[in-house]
Amino acid sequence: MHKQRIAILIAAIIGILGVFLPFMKSFIGYISLIETQDGTGYIIIVLFVISILVALIGNKDSPLTKGKLAGTIVPGIIPGIILLLLVIARGSNTFARAFTVFEIGFYTIIIASGAILLFGLTLKDYAFPTSSILINKNNIYCMNCGKEYPSESAGEFCEKCGTKL
């Protein structure tokens, strides 16, 4: 499996585990997101599961590309956005701010969400060709169509497709 996919899977699994960890401490005690009445914990679990499923689709030995990458990153960062919006809402309420403290579950989900974004965009390592020809001893090949030419044809154009050799 490609290292980009592995990193995204690990971050998403850690994010799911963060839902079950203590999310905040209030005057009542510790509360995890799964215990809240608004269903935020279930929404976050579903979003991380979507990231996992999209990361597992296709050739697992190659990095995620375009649509699949977006399908992995977008649901992966939405939990972080939801929690940041919760912080903003809590910051405007002085009573809630005075009696609640965020705990490890909150930070775990934020870090997992950021890791999905970071690893999804940085661990791609695509191999791009450096020239339009492949050289094999005395012959060269067109990178576009694969037609073989003698090495003296370097710099000319392919007869079949027009690519510069």
C-alpha atoms as a PDB file:
ATOM      1  CA  MET A   1       0.000   0.000   0.000  1.00  0.00           C
ATOM      2  CA  HIS A   2       1.262   3.490  -0.831  1.00  0.00           C
ATOM      3  CA  LYS A   3       2.592   5.594   2.066  1.00  0.00           C
ATOM      4  CA  GLN A   4       0.094   8.405   1.341  1.00  0.00           C
ATOM      5  CA  ARG A   5      -2.842   6.011   1.731  1.00  0.00           C
ATOM      6  CA  ILE A   6      -1.377   4.460   4.884  1.00  0.00           C
ATOM      7  CA  ALA A   7      -0.882   7.881   6.490  1.00  0.00           C
ATOM      8  CA  ILE A   8      -4.450   8.921   5.666  1.00  0.00           C
ATOM      9  CA  LEU A   9      -5.853   5.641   7.025  1.00  0.00           C
ATOM     10  CA  ILE A  10      -3.915   5.975  10.285  1.00  0.00           C
ATOM     11  CA  ALA A  11      -4.972   9.614  10.730  1.00  0.00           C
ATOM     12  CA  ALA A  12      -8.636   8.771  10.074  1.00  0.00           C
ATOM     13  CA  ILE A  13      -8.576   5.845  12.524  1.00  0.00           C
ATOM     14  CA  ILE A  14      -7.015   8.082  15.178  1.00  0.00           C
ATOM     15  CA  GLY A  15      -9.745  10.654  14.468  1.00  0.00           C
ATOM     16  CA  ILE A  16     -12.435   8.008  15.000  1.00  0.00           C
ATOM     17  CA  LEU A  17     -10.826   6.973  18.284  1.00  0.00           C
ATOM     18  CA  GLY A  18     -10.774  10.640  19.329  1.00  0.00           C
ATOM     19  CA  VAL A  19     -14.578  10.665  19.256  1.00  0.00           C
ATOM     20  CA  PHE A  20     -14.602   8.164  22.129  1.00  0.00           C
ATOM     21  CA  LEU A  21     -11.946   9.938  24.203  1.00  0.00           C
ATOM     22  CA  PRO A  22     -12.856  12.662  26.719  1.00  0.00           C
ATOM     23  CA  PHE A  23     -13.789  15.661  24.603  1.00  0.00           C
ATOM     24  CA  MET A  24     -14.360  18.295  27.260  1.00  0.00           C
ATOM     25  CA  LYS A  25     -14.454  18.662  30.996  1.00  0.00           C
ATOM     26  CA  SER A  26     -17.292  20.599  32.512  1.00  0.00           C
ATOM     27  CA  PHE A  27     -18.627  20.993  36.027  1.00  0.00           C
ATOM     28  CA  ILE A  28     -20.544  17.715  35.447  1.00  0.00           C
ATOM     29  CA  GLY A  29     -17.443  15.682  34.490  1.00  0.00           C
ATOM     30  CA  TYR A  30     -15.794  14.426  31.334  1.00  0.00           C
ATOM     31  CA  ILE A  31     -17.883  14.154  28.172  1.00  0.00           C
ATOM     32  CA  SER A  32     -16.926  12.426  24.918  1.00  0.00           C
ATOM     33  CA  LEU A  33     -18.393  13.448  21.573  1.00  0.00           C
ATOM     34  CA  ILE A  34     -20.239  10.149  21.269  1.00  0.00           C
ATOM     35  CA  GLU A  35     -22.170  11.026  24.458  1.00  0.00           C
ATOM     36  CA  THR A  36     -23.480  14.359  23.180  1.00  0.00           C
ATOM     37  CA  GLN A  37     -27.142  14.655  22.270  1.00  0.00           C
ATOM     38  CA  ASP A  38     -26.622  16.537  18.993  1.00  0.00           C
ATOM     39  CA  GLY A  39     -25.050  13.636  17.053  1.00  0.00           C
ATOM     40  CA  THR A  40     -21.796  15.435  16.315  1.00  0.00           C
ATOM     41  CA  GLY A  41     -19.813  12.335  17.261  1.00  0.00           C
ATOM     42  CA  TYR A  42     -21.680  10.178  14.750  1.00  0.00           C
ATOM     43  CA  ILE A  43     -21.242  12.764  11.997  1.00  0.00           C
ATOM     44  CA  ILE A  44     -17.491  12.906  12.642  1.00  0.00           C
ATOM     45  CA  ILE A  45     -17.235   9.096  12.599  1.00  0.00           C
ATOM     46  CA  VAL A  46     -19.084   8.944   9.262  1.00  0.00           C
ATOM     47  CA  LEU A  47     -16.813  11.606   7.750  1.00  0.00           C
ATOM     48  CA  PHE A  48     -13.643   9.794   8.815  1.00  0.00           C
ATOM     49  CA  VAL A  49     -15.065   6.477   7.535  1.00  0.00           C
ATOM     50  CA  ILE A  50     -15.694   8.125   4.137  1.00  0.00           C
ATOM     51  CA  SER A  51     -12.024   9.177   4.072  1.00  0.00           C
ATOM     52  CA  ILE A  52     -10.984   5.607   4.877  1.00  0.00           C
ATOM     53  CA  LEU A  53     -13.216   4.082   2.203  1.00  0.00           C
ATOM     54  CA  VAL A  54     -12.072   6.460  -0.526  1.00  0.00           C
ATOM     55  CA  ALA A  55      -8.425   5.851   0.434  1.00  0.00           C
ATOM     56  CA  LEU A  56      -8.988   2.108  -0.020  1.00  0.00           C
ATOM     57  CA  ILE A  57     -10.533   2.417  -3.495  1.00  0.00           C
ATOM     58  CA  GLY A  58      -8.427   1.690  -6.572  1.00  0.00           C
ATOM     59  CA  ASN A  59      -4.807   0.648  -6.945  1.00  0.00           C
ATOM     60  CA  LYS A  60      -3.461   0.694  -3.410  1.00  0.00           C
ATOM     61  CA  ASP A  61       0.167   0.823  -4.577  1.00  0.00           C
ATOM     62  CA  SER A  62      -0.230   4.218  -6.242  1.00  0.00           C
ATOM     63  CA  PRO A  63      -0.934   7.595  -4.628  1.00  0.00           C
ATOM     64  CA  LEU A  64      -4.401   9.121  -4.664  1.00  0.00           C
ATOM     65  CA  THR A  65      -5.071  11.408  -7.598  1.00  0.00           C
ATOM     66  CA  LYS A  66      -7.434  14.336  -8.160  1.00  0.00           C
ATOM     67  CA  GLY A  67     -10.993  13.152  -7.465  1.00  0.00           C
ATOM     68  CA  LYS A  68     -10.071  10.441  -4.991  1.00  0.00           C
ATOM     69  CA  LEU A  69      -7.691  12.788  -3.220  1.00  0.00           C
ATOM     70  CA  ALA A  70     -10.434  15.389  -2.890  1.00  0.00           C
ATOM     71  CA  GLY A  71     -12.849  12.661  -1.787  1.00  0.00           C
ATOM     72  CA  THR A  72     -10.430  11.749   0.976  1.00  0.00           C
ATOM     73  CA  ILE A  73      -9.312  15.200   2.085  1.00  0.00           C
ATOM     74  CA  VAL A  74     -12.653  17.049   2.130  1.00  0.00           C
ATOM     75  CA  PRO A  75     -14.469  14.639   4.489  1.00  0.00           C
ATOM     76  CA  GLY A  76     -11.259  14.427   6.519  1.00  0.00           C
ATOM     77  CA  ILE A  77     -11.028  18.156   7.221  1.00  0.00           C
ATOM     78  CA  ILE A  78     -14.735  18.762   7.879  1.00  0.00           C
ATOM     79  CA  PRO A  79     -14.490  17.327  11.463  1.00  0.00           C
ATOM     80  CA  GLY A  80     -11.726  19.826  12.225  1.00  0.00           C
ATOM     81  CA  ILE A  81     -13.841  22.654  10.832  1.00  0.00           C
ATOM     82  CA  ILE A  82     -16.851  21.537  12.889  1.00  0.00           C
ATOM     83  CA  LEU A  83     -14.781  21.547  16.072  1.00  0.00           C
ATOM     84  CA  LEU A  84     -13.230  24.921  15.308  1.00  0.00           C
ATOM     85  CA  LEU A  85     -16.721  26.340  14.806  1.00  0.00           C
ATOM     86  CA  LEU A  86     -17.630  24.858  18.197  1.00  0.00           C
ATOM     87  CA  VAL A  87     -14.687  26.721  19.749  1.00  0.00           C
ATOM     88  CA  ILE A  88     -15.837  29.965  18.147  1.00  0.00           C
ATOM     89  CA  ALA A  89     -19.391  29.436  19.438  1.00  0.00           C
ATOM     90  CA  ARG A  90     -18.099  28.579  22.904  1.00  0.00           C
ATOM     91  CA  GLY A  91     -15.877  31.674  22.919  1.00  0.00           C
ATOM     92  CA  SER A  92     -18.887  33.977  22.594  1.00  0.00           C
ATOM     93  CA  ASN A  93     -20.646  32.409  25.613  1.00  0.00           C
ATOM     94  CA  THR A  94     -18.855  33.500  28.803  1.00  0.00           C
ATOM     95  CA  PHE A  95     -20.669  30.917  30.969  1.00  0.00           C
ATOM     96  CA  ALA A  96     -19.624  28.018  28.736  1.00  0.00           C
ATOM     97  CA  ARG A  97     -16.088  29.377  28.446  1.00  0.00           C
ATOM     98  CA  ALA A  98     -15.730  29.613  32.224  1.00  0.00           C
ATOM     99  CA  PHE A  99     -16.956  26.085  33.002  1.00  0.00           C
ATOM    100  CA  THR A 100     -15.611  23.942  30.155  1.00  0.00           C
ATOM    101  CA  VAL A 101     -12.123  22.858  29.179  1.00  0.00           C
ATOM    102  CA  PHE A 102     -11.287  20.930  26.019  1.00  0.00           C
ATOM    103  CA  GLU A 103      -9.600  17.587  26.572  1.00  0.00           C
ATOM    104  CA  ILE A 104      -7.574  15.070  24.565  1.00  0.00           C
ATOM    105  CA  GLY A 105     -10.437  13.916  22.313  1.00  0.00           C
ATOM    106  CA  PHE A 106     -10.820  17.424  20.930  1.00  0.00           C
ATOM    107  CA  TYR A 107      -7.114  17.778  20.173  1.00  0.00           C
ATOM    108  CA  THR A 108      -6.912  14.262  18.711  1.00  0.00           C
ATOM    109  CA  ILE A 109      -9.663  14.991  16.195  1.00  0.00           C
ATOM    110  CA  ILE A 110      -8.143  18.365  15.239  1.00  0.00           C
ATOM    111  CA  ILE A 111      -4.696  16.817  14.728  1.00  0.00           C
ATOM    112  CA  ALA A 112      -6.113  13.861  12.759  1.00  0.00           C
ATOM    113  CA  SER A 113      -8.069  16.222  10.521  1.00  0.00           C
ATOM    114  CA  GLY A 114      -4.996  18.344   9.866  1.00  0.00           C
ATOM    115  CA  ALA A 115      -2.874  15.232   9.259  1.00  0.00           C
ATOM    116  CA  ILE A 116      -5.261  14.017   6.553  1.00  0.00           C
ATOM    117  CA  LEU A 117      -4.896  17.358   4.787  1.00  0.00           C
ATOM    118  CA  LEU A 118      -1.133  17.486   5.235  1.00  0.00           C
ATOM    119  CA  PHE A 119      -0.371  13.879   4.267  1.00  0.00           C
ATOM    120  CA  GLY A 120      -2.850  13.914   1.408  1.00  0.00           C
ATOM    121  CA  LEU A 121      -1.120  16.865  -0.214  1.00  0.00           C
ATOM    122  CA  THR A 122       2.514  16.070   0.550  1.00  0.00           C
ATOM    123  CA  LEU A 123       3.062  12.303   0.263  1.00  0.00           C
ATOM    124  CA  LYS A 124       2.387  11.896  -3.464  1.00  0.00           C
ATOM    125  CA  ASP A 125       5.840  11.263  -5.048  1.00  0.00           C
ATOM    126  CA  TYR A 126       4.690  11.029  -8.644  1.00  0.00           C
ATOM    127  CA  ALA A 127       7.316  10.065 -11.206  1.00  0.00           C
ATOM    128  CA  PHE A 128       7.391  12.558 -14.072  1.00  0.00           C
ATOM    129  CA  PRO A 129       9.436  11.816 -17.200  1.00  0.00           C
ATOM    130  CA  THR A 130      12.382  14.167 -17.620  1.00  0.00           C
ATOM    131  CA  SER A 131      12.429  14.026 -21.416  1.00  0.00           C
ATOM    132  CA  SER A 132      10.245  12.869 -24.250  1.00  0.00           C
ATOM    133  CA  ILE A 133      12.555  10.013 -25.249  1.00  0.00           C
ATOM    134  CA  LEU A 134      13.694   6.723 -23.840  1.00  0.00           C
ATOM    135  CA  ILE A 135      17.229   5.732 -24.811  1.00  0.00           C
ATOM    136  CA  ASN A 136      18.157   2.054 -25.176  1.00  0.00           C
ATOM    137  CA  LYS A 137      21.746   1.568 -26.419  1.00  0.00           C
ATOM    138  CA  ASN A 138      21.568   2.594 -30.079  1.00  0.00           C
ATOM    139  CA  ASN A 139      17.820   3.186 -30.307  1.00  0.00           C
ATOM    140  CA  ILE A 140      15.417   5.781 -28.961  1.00  0.00           C
ATOM    141  CA  TYR A 141      11.688   5.447 -28.422  1.00  0.00           C
ATOM    142  CA  CYS A 142       8.948   8.032 -28.630  1.00  0.00           C
ATOM    143  CA  MET A 143       7.493   8.671 -25.153  1.00  0.00           C
ATOM    144  CA  ASN A 144       4.047   9.274 -26.589  1.00  0.00           C
ATOM    145  CA  CYS A 145       3.500   6.308 -28.920  1.00  0.00           C
ATOM    146  CA  GLY A 146       6.558   4.087 -28.320  1.00  0.00           C
ATOM    147  CA  LYS A 147       7.790   3.940 -31.908  1.00  0.00           C
ATOM    148  CA  GLU A 148      11.473   2.971 -32.177  1.00  0.00           C
ATOM    149  CA  TYR A 149      14.026   5.169 -34.010  1.00  0.00           C
ATOM    150  CA  PRO A 150      17.808   5.044 -34.456  1.00  0.00           C
ATOM    151  CA  SER A 151      19.731   7.262 -32.032  1.00  0.00           C
ATOM    152  CA  GLU A 152      20.619   9.657 -34.874  1.00  0.00           C
ATOM    153  CA  SER A 153      16.941  10.729 -34.934  1.00  0.00           C
ATOM    154  CA  ALA A 154      17.235  12.491 -31.550  1.00  0.00           C
ATOM    155  CA  GLY A 155      15.810  16.018 -31.771  1.00  0.00           C
ATOM    156  CA  GLU A 156      13.560  15.207 -34.719  1.00  0.00           C
ATOM    157  CA  PHE A 157       9.822  14.602 -34.595  1.00  0.00           C
ATOM    158  CA  CYS A 158       8.020  11.265 -34.434  1.00  0.00           C
ATOM    159  CA  GLU A 159       6.466  10.261 -37.745  1.00  0.00           C
ATOM    160  CA  LYS A 160       3.520   8.605 -36.037  1.00  0.00           C
ATOM    161  CA  CYS A 161       2.418  11.166 -33.428  1.00  0.00           C
ATOM    162  CA  GLY A 162       4.554  14.297 -33.945  1.00  0.00           C
ATOM    163  CA  THR A 163       6.218  14.331 -30.508  1.00  0.00           C
ATOM    164  CA  LYS A 164       9.744  15.717 -30.449  1.00  0.00           C
ATOM    165  CA  LEU A 165      12.294  12.943 -29.969  1.00  0.00           C
END
